[in-house]
C-alpha atoms as a PDB file:
ATOM      1  CA  UNK A   1       0.000   0.000   0.000  1.00  0.00           C
ATOM      2  CA  UNK A   2       1.417   3.410  -0.944  1.00  0.00           C
ATOM      3  CA  UNK A   3       0.406   6.996  -1.385  1.00  0.00           C
ATOM      4  CA  UNK A   4      -0.402   8.022  -4.944  1.00  0.00           C
ATOM      5  CA  UNK A   5       1.552  11.122  -5.954  1.00  0.00           C
ATOM      6  CA  UNK A   6      -0.282  11.985  -9.145  1.00  0.00           C
ATOM      7  CA  UNK A   7      -3.970  12.530  -9.852  1.00  0.00           C
ATOM      8  CA  UNK A   8      -6.222   9.679 -10.918  1.00  0.00           C
ATOM      9  CA  UNK A   9      -9.517   9.878 -12.832  1.00  0.00           C
ATOM     10  CA  UNK A  10     -11.379   9.855  -9.496  1.00  0.00           C
ATOM     11  CA  UNK A  11      -9.068  11.518  -6.965  1.00  0.00           C
ATOM     12  CA  UNK A  12      -6.360  14.143  -6.537  1.00  0.00           C
ATOM     13  CA  UNK A  13      -2.915  12.798  -5.685  1.00  0.00           C
ATOM     14  CA  UNK A  14      -0.582  13.913  -2.920  1.00  0.00           C
ATOM     15  CA  UNK A  15       1.178  16.575  -5.031  1.00  0.00           C
ATOM     16  CA  UNK A  16      -2.082  18.310  -6.044  1.00  0.00           C
ATOM     17  CA  UNK A  17      -3.555  18.142  -2.537  1.00  0.00           C
ATOM     18  CA  UNK A  18      -0.435  19.510  -0.842  1.00  0.00           C
ATOM     19  CA  UNK A  19       0.055  22.305  -3.386  1.00  0.00           C
ATOM     20  CA  UNK A  20      -3.638  23.293  -3.201  1.00  0.00           C
ATOM     21  CA  UNK A  21      -3.627  23.630   0.576  1.00  0.00           C
ATOM     22  CA  UNK A  22      -0.131  25.148   0.750  1.00  0.00           C
ATOM     23  CA  UNK A  23      -1.130  27.858  -1.736  1.00  0.00           C
ATOM     24  CA  UNK A  24      -4.514  28.463  -0.085  1.00  0.00           C
ATOM     25  CA  UNK A  25      -3.202  28.750   3.480  1.00  0.00           C
ATOM     26  CA  UNK A  26      -0.128  30.751   2.490  1.00  0.00           C
ATOM     27  CA  UNK A  27      -2.236  33.149   0.428  1.00  0.00           C
ATOM     28  CA  UNK A  28      -4.617  33.666   3.347  1.00  0.00           C
ATOM     29  CA  UNK A  29      -1.691  34.262   5.695  1.00  0.00           C
ATOM     30  CA  UNK A  30      -0.056  36.724   3.289  1.00  0.00           C
ATOM     31  CA  UNK A  31      -3.363  38.546   2.858  1.00  0.00           C
ATOM     32  CA  UNK A  32      -3.714  38.927   6.630  1.00  0.00           C
ATOM     33  CA  UNK A  33      -0.106  40.102   6.999  1.00  0.00           C
ATOM     34  CA  UNK A  34      -0.554  42.571   4.117  1.00  0.00           C
ATOM     35  CA  UNK A  35      -3.758  43.919   5.604  1.00  0.00           C
ATOM     36  CA  UNK A  36      -2.082  44.360   8.996  1.00  0.00           C
ATOM     37  CA  UNK A  37       1.007  45.961   7.423  1.00  0.00           C
ATOM     38  CA  UNK A  38      -1.188  48.775   6.093  1.00  0.00           C
ATOM     39  CA  UNK A  39      -1.915  49.787   9.705  1.00  0.00           C
ATOM     40  CA  UNK A  40       1.737  50.039  10.773  1.00  0.00           C
ATOM     41  CA  UNK A  41       3.452  53.341  11.292  1.00  0.00           C
ATOM     42  CA  UNK A  42       7.177  53.999  11.040  1.00  0.00           C
ATOM     43  CA  UNK A  43       7.741  53.506  14.787  1.00  0.00           C
ATOM     44  CA  UNK A  44       6.047  50.132  15.021  1.00  0.00           C
ATOM     45  CA  UNK A  45       8.572  47.357  15.739  1.00  0.00           C
ATOM     46  CA  UNK A  46       7.014  45.242  12.930  1.00  0.00           C
ATOM     47  CA  UNK A  47       7.429  48.014  10.320  1.00  0.00           C
ATOM     48  CA  UNK A  48      10.601  46.447   8.867  1.00  0.00           C
ATOM     49  CA  UNK A  49      10.160  42.756   9.747  1.00  0.00           C
ATOM     50  CA  UNK A  50       6.650  42.124   8.395  1.00  0.00           C
ATOM     51  CA  UNK A  51       7.263  43.527   4.903  1.00  0.00           C
ATOM     52  CA  UNK A  52      10.454  41.441   4.694  1.00  0.00           C
ATOM     53  CA  UNK A  53       8.523  38.283   5.654  1.00  0.00           C
ATOM     54  CA  UNK A  54       5.620  39.207   3.364  1.00  0.00           C
ATOM     55  CA  UNK A  55       7.919  39.655   0.368  1.00  0.00           C
ATOM     56  CA  UNK A  56      10.039  36.575   1.169  1.00  0.00           C
ATOM     57  CA  UNK A  57       7.059  34.263   1.579  1.00  0.00           C
ATOM     58  CA  UNK A  58       5.406  35.820  -1.474  1.00  0.00           C
ATOM     59  CA  UNK A  59       8.424  35.047  -3.661  1.00  0.00           C
ATOM     60  CA  UNK A  60       8.539  31.460  -2.400  1.00  0.00           C
ATOM     61  CA  UNK A  61       4.801  31.159  -3.055  1.00  0.00           C
ATOM     62  CA  UNK A  62       5.382  32.428  -6.597  1.00  0.00           C
ATOM     63  CA  UNK A  63       7.746  29.501  -7.181  1.00  0.00           C
ATOM     64  CA  UNK A  64       5.135  27.051  -5.817  1.00  0.00           C
ATOM     65  CA  UNK A  65       2.377  28.589  -7.987  1.00  0.00           C
ATOM     66  CA  UNK A  66       4.568  28.305 -11.086  1.00  0.00           C
ATOM     67  CA  UNK A  67       5.280  24.664 -10.186  1.00  0.00           C
ATOM     68  CA  UNK A  68       1.545  24.045  -9.820  1.00  0.00           C
ATOM     69  CA  UNK A  69       1.013  25.626 -13.229  1.00  0.00           C
ATOM     70  CA  UNK A  70       3.506  23.217 -14.792  1.00  0.00           C
ATOM     71  CA  UNK A  71       1.908  20.357 -12.852  1.00  0.00           C
ATOM     72  CA  UNK A  72      -1.559  21.271 -14.138  1.00  0.00           C
ATOM     73  CA  UNK A  73      -0.262  21.395 -17.719  1.00  0.00           C
ATOM     74  CA  UNK A  74       1.297  17.934 -17.468  1.00  0.00           C
ATOM     75  CA  UNK A  75      -1.074  15.973 -15.180  1.00  0.00           C
ATOM     76  CA  UNK A  76      -4.725  15.328 -15.984  1.00  0.00           C
ATOM     77  CA  UNK A  77      -7.155  16.417 -13.277  1.00  0.00           C
ATOM     78  CA  UNK A  78      -9.774  13.982 -11.996  1.00  0.00           C
ATOM     79  CA  UNK A  79     -12.916  13.749 -14.092  1.00  0.00           C
ATOM     80  CA  UNK A  80     -15.977  15.751 -13.119  1.00  0.00           C
ATOM     81  CA  UNK A  81     -18.448  13.894 -10.955  1.00  0.00           C
ATOM     82  CA  UNK A  82     -21.508  12.610 -12.803  1.00  0.00           C
ATOM     83  CA  UNK A  83     -23.950  14.524 -10.587  1.00  0.00           C
ATOM     84  CA  UNK A  84     -22.384  17.906 -11.458  1.00  0.00           C
ATOM     85  CA  UNK A  85     -24.623  20.020 -13.659  1.00  0.00           C
ATOM     86  CA  UNK A  86     -23.256  21.684 -16.785  1.00  0.00           C
ATOM     87  CA  UNK A  87     -23.348  25.185 -15.280  1.00  0.00           C
ATOM     88  CA  UNK A  88     -21.510  23.901 -12.187  1.00  0.00           C
ATOM     89  CA  UNK A  89     -18.732  22.420 -14.308  1.00  0.00           C
ATOM     90  CA  UNK A  90     -18.382  25.613 -16.382  1.00  0.00           C
ATOM     91  CA  UNK A  91     -18.452  27.925 -13.357  1.00  0.00           C
ATOM     92  CA  UNK A  92     -15.939  25.693 -11.578  1.00  0.00           C
ATOM     93  CA  UNK A  93     -13.546  25.894 -14.538  1.00  0.00           C
ATOM     94  CA  UNK A  94     -13.929  29.671 -14.726  1.00  0.00           C
ATOM     95  CA  UNK A  95     -13.436  30.039 -10.964  1.00  0.00           C
ATOM     96  CA  UNK A  96     -10.320  27.848 -10.983  1.00  0.00           C
ATOM     97  CA  UNK A  97      -8.811  29.794 -13.896  1.00  0.00           C
ATOM     98  CA  UNK A  98      -9.612  33.109 -12.197  1.00  0.00           C
ATOM     99  CA  UNK A  99      -8.118  31.905  -8.913  1.00  0.00           C
ATOM    100  CA  UNK A 100      -4.935  30.700 -10.604  1.00  0.00           C
ATOM    101  CA  UNK A 101      -4.542  33.769 -12.783  1.00  0.00           C
ATOM    102  CA  UNK A 102      -5.486  36.102  -9.937  1.00  0.00           C
ATOM    103  CA  UNK A 103      -2.990  34.596  -7.504  1.00  0.00           C
ATOM    104  CA  UNK A 104      -0.305  34.846 -10.184  1.00  0.00           C
ATOM    105  CA  UNK A 105      -1.215  38.516 -10.811  1.00  0.00           C
ATOM    106  CA  UNK A 106      -1.101  39.277  -7.079  1.00  0.00           C
ATOM    107  CA  UNK A 107       2.316  37.651  -6.742  1.00  0.00           C
ATOM    108  CA  UNK A 108       3.817  39.279  -9.847  1.00  0.00           C
ATOM    109  CA  UNK A 109       2.421  42.705  -8.946  1.00  0.00           C
ATOM    110  CA  UNK A 110       3.781  42.192  -5.429  1.00  0.00           C
ATOM    111  CA  UNK A 111       7.183  41.537  -6.975  1.00  0.00           C
ATOM    112  CA  UNK A 112       6.911  44.680  -9.128  1.00  0.00           C
ATOM    113  CA  UNK A 113       6.215  47.033  -6.183  1.00  0.00           C
ATOM    114  CA  UNK A 114       9.578  46.862  -4.352  1.00  0.00           C
ATOM    115  CA  UNK A 115      11.585  46.241  -7.527  1.00  0.00           C
ATOM    116  CA  UNK A 116      10.312  49.450  -9.127  1.00  0.00           C
ATOM    117  CA  UNK A 117      13.386  51.290  -7.870  1.00  0.00           C
ATOM    118  CA  UNK A 118      15.713  48.720  -9.422  1.00  0.00           C
ATOM    119  CA  UNK A 119      16.600  46.753  -6.279  1.00  0.00           C
ATOM    120  CA  UNK A 120      15.852  43.057  -5.899  1.00  0.00           C
ATOM    121  CA  UNK A 121      13.848  41.233  -3.241  1.00  0.00           C
ATOM    122  CA  UNK A 122      15.831  39.446  -0.561  1.00  0.00           C
ATOM    123  CA  UNK A 123      14.209  36.139   0.379  1.00  0.00           C
ATOM    124  CA  UNK A 124      14.964  35.555   4.073  1.00  0.00           C
ATOM    125  CA  UNK A 125      18.525  36.682   3.323  1.00  0.00           C
ATOM    126  CA  UNK A 126      19.076  33.367   1.480  1.00  0.00           C
ATOM    127  CA  UNK A 127      19.231  34.964  -1.933  1.00  0.00           C
ATOM    128  CA  UNK A 128      17.730  37.739  -4.003  1.00  0.00           C
ATOM    129  CA  UNK A 129      15.156  37.827  -6.767  1.00  0.00           C
ATOM    130  CA  UNK A 130      16.652  40.521  -9.011  1.00  0.00           C
ATOM    131  CA  UNK A 131      14.636  43.429 -10.371  1.00  0.00           C
ATOM    132  CA  UNK A 132      13.630  42.739 -13.957  1.00  0.00           C
ATOM    133  CA  UNK A 133      12.908  46.305 -15.024  1.00  0.00           C
ATOM    134  CA  UNK A 134      11.763  49.655 -13.712  1.00  0.00           C
ATOM    135  CA  UNK A 135       9.040  51.642 -15.470  1.00  0.00           C
ATOM    136  CA  UNK A 136       7.523  55.041 -14.666  1.00  0.00           C
ATOM    137  CA  UNK A 137       4.627  54.617 -12.222  1.00  0.00           C
ATOM    138  CA  UNK A 138       5.426  50.932 -11.749  1.00  0.00           C
ATOM    139  CA  UNK A 139       5.246  51.033  -7.947  1.00  0.00           C
ATOM    140  CA  UNK A 140       1.888  52.853  -7.803  1.00  0.00           C
ATOM    141  CA  UNK A 141       0.184  50.872 -10.567  1.00  0.00           C
ATOM    142  CA  UNK A 142       1.504  47.554  -9.251  1.00  0.00           C
ATOM    143  CA  UNK A 143       0.396  48.508  -5.739  1.00  0.00           C
ATOM    144  CA  UNK A 144      -3.176  49.171  -6.886  1.00  0.00           C
ATOM    145  CA  UNK A 145      -3.300  45.935  -8.903  1.00  0.00           C
ATOM    146  CA  UNK A 146      -1.809  44.006  -5.970  1.00  0.00           C
ATOM    147  CA  UNK A 147      -4.344  45.375  -3.514  1.00  0.00           C
ATOM    148  CA  UNK A 148      -7.551  45.074  -5.541  1.00  0.00           C
ATOM    149  CA  UNK A 149      -6.804  41.723  -7.135  1.00  0.00           C
ATOM    150  CA  UNK A 150      -5.890  40.397  -3.667  1.00  0.00           C
ATOM    151  CA  UNK A 151      -9.350  41.392  -2.390  1.00  0.00           C
ATOM    152  CA  UNK A 152     -10.995  39.863  -5.466  1.00  0.00           C
ATOM    153  CA  UNK A 153      -9.143  36.561  -4.975  1.00  0.00           C
ATOM    154  CA  UNK A 154     -10.047  36.474  -1.285  1.00  0.00           C
ATOM    155  CA  UNK A 155     -13.719  36.942  -2.168  1.00  0.00           C
ATOM    156  CA  UNK A 156     -13.579  34.331  -4.926  1.00  0.00           C
ATOM    157  CA  UNK A 157     -11.863  31.945  -2.493  1.00  0.00           C
ATOM    158  CA  UNK A 158     -14.830  32.243  -0.138  1.00  0.00           C
ATOM    159  CA  UNK A 159     -17.197  31.475  -3.040  1.00  0.00           C
ATOM    160  CA  UNK A 160     -14.977  28.506  -3.985  1.00  0.00           C
ATOM    161  CA  UNK A 161     -14.992  27.187  -0.396  1.00  0.00           C
ATOM    162  CA  UNK A 162     -18.749  27.734  -0.159  1.00  0.00           C
ATOM    163  CA  UNK A 163     -19.298  25.724  -3.334  1.00  0.00           C
ATOM    164  CA  UNK A 164     -17.155  22.883  -1.964  1.00  0.00           C
ATOM    165  CA  UNK A 165     -19.163  22.911   1.289  1.00  0.00           C
ATOM    166  CA  UNK A 166     -22.425  22.944  -0.692  1.00  0.00           C
ATOM    167  CA  UNK A 167     -21.299  19.850  -2.603  1.00  0.00           C
ATOM    168  CA  UNK A 168     -20.286  18.148   0.641  1.00  0.00           C
ATOM    169  CA  UNK A 169     -23.246  18.936   2.903  1.00  0.00           C
ATOM    170  CA  UNK A 170     -26.146  19.462   0.479  1.00  0.00           C
ATOM    171  CA  UNK A 171     -25.269  17.349  -2.578  1.00  0.00           C
ATOM    172  CA  UNK A 172     -23.385  14.823  -0.404  1.00  0.00           C
ATOM    173  CA  UNK A 173     -20.905  14.062  -3.187  1.00  0.00           C
ATOM    174  CA  UNK A 174     -17.122  13.518  -3.226  1.00  0.00           C
ATOM    175  CA  UNK A 175     -16.112  16.993  -4.447  1.00  0.00           C
ATOM    176  CA  UNK A 176     -14.574  18.105  -1.135  1.00  0.00           C
ATOM    177  CA  UNK A 177     -13.363  14.656  -0.100  1.00  0.00           C
ATOM    178  CA  UNK A 178     -11.278  14.446  -3.302  1.00  0.00           C
ATOM    179  CA  UNK A 179      -9.232  17.457  -2.118  1.00  0.00           C
ATOM    180  CA  UNK A 180      -9.124  16.487   1.569  1.00  0.00           C
ATOM    181  CA  UNK A 181      -8.001  12.878   1.370  1.00  0.00           C
ATOM    182  CA  UNK A 182      -4.945  11.402  -0.225  1.00  0.00           C
ATOM    183  CA  UNK A 183      -5.376   8.499  -2.628  1.00  0.00           C
ATOM    184  CA  UNK A 184      -3.983   5.198  -1.465  1.00  0.00           C
ATOM    185  CA  UNK A 185      -3.049   2.576  -4.010  1.00  0.00           C
ATOM    186  CA  UNK A 186      -3.962  -0.675  -2.274  1.00  0.00           C
ATOM    187  CA  UNK A 187      -2.375  -2.793  -5.013  1.00  0.00           C
ATOM    188  CA  UNK A 188       1.153  -1.655  -4.199  1.00  0.00           C
ATOM    189  CA  UNK A 189       3.145  -3.537  -1.594  1.00  0.00           C
END
């Protein structure tokens, strides 16, 4: 018996499950930190530390999101459940694309804010993501995109979670269970 790493036609594998929850929880944590950072003044002891953590974790999350993107392009997702209606399948696809694209936009715009002046982003002092370019108004425009798309993604995440709970408690299907449990291949020794 062993854990299945990749997705099957009926279940998500370990890689998909771990990346889904890692991205979701990290995004929520970064959102909360970002929201709190907006309340800090110059004399607050967290004024320097929290932005450093926010940027460092954000850059690491960007790497994970890009890996998930490659994963999604190379591994087939489980099939839709038979009880899902056509509009549910279409809205689910749209929501997943918007979540993925939105998270990517939030992370890239977050990268573009501090790099607008030409300096890179230090990731926990392990290394630096270099600045790619610096354009006029980059910091302000990226800041607005970062903020409003972050709120949009948070709202869409609540809709996404609500839909999963609806499938679990009202429809009583496997939609949520497929992302909560890890497939076990009982034929392996």
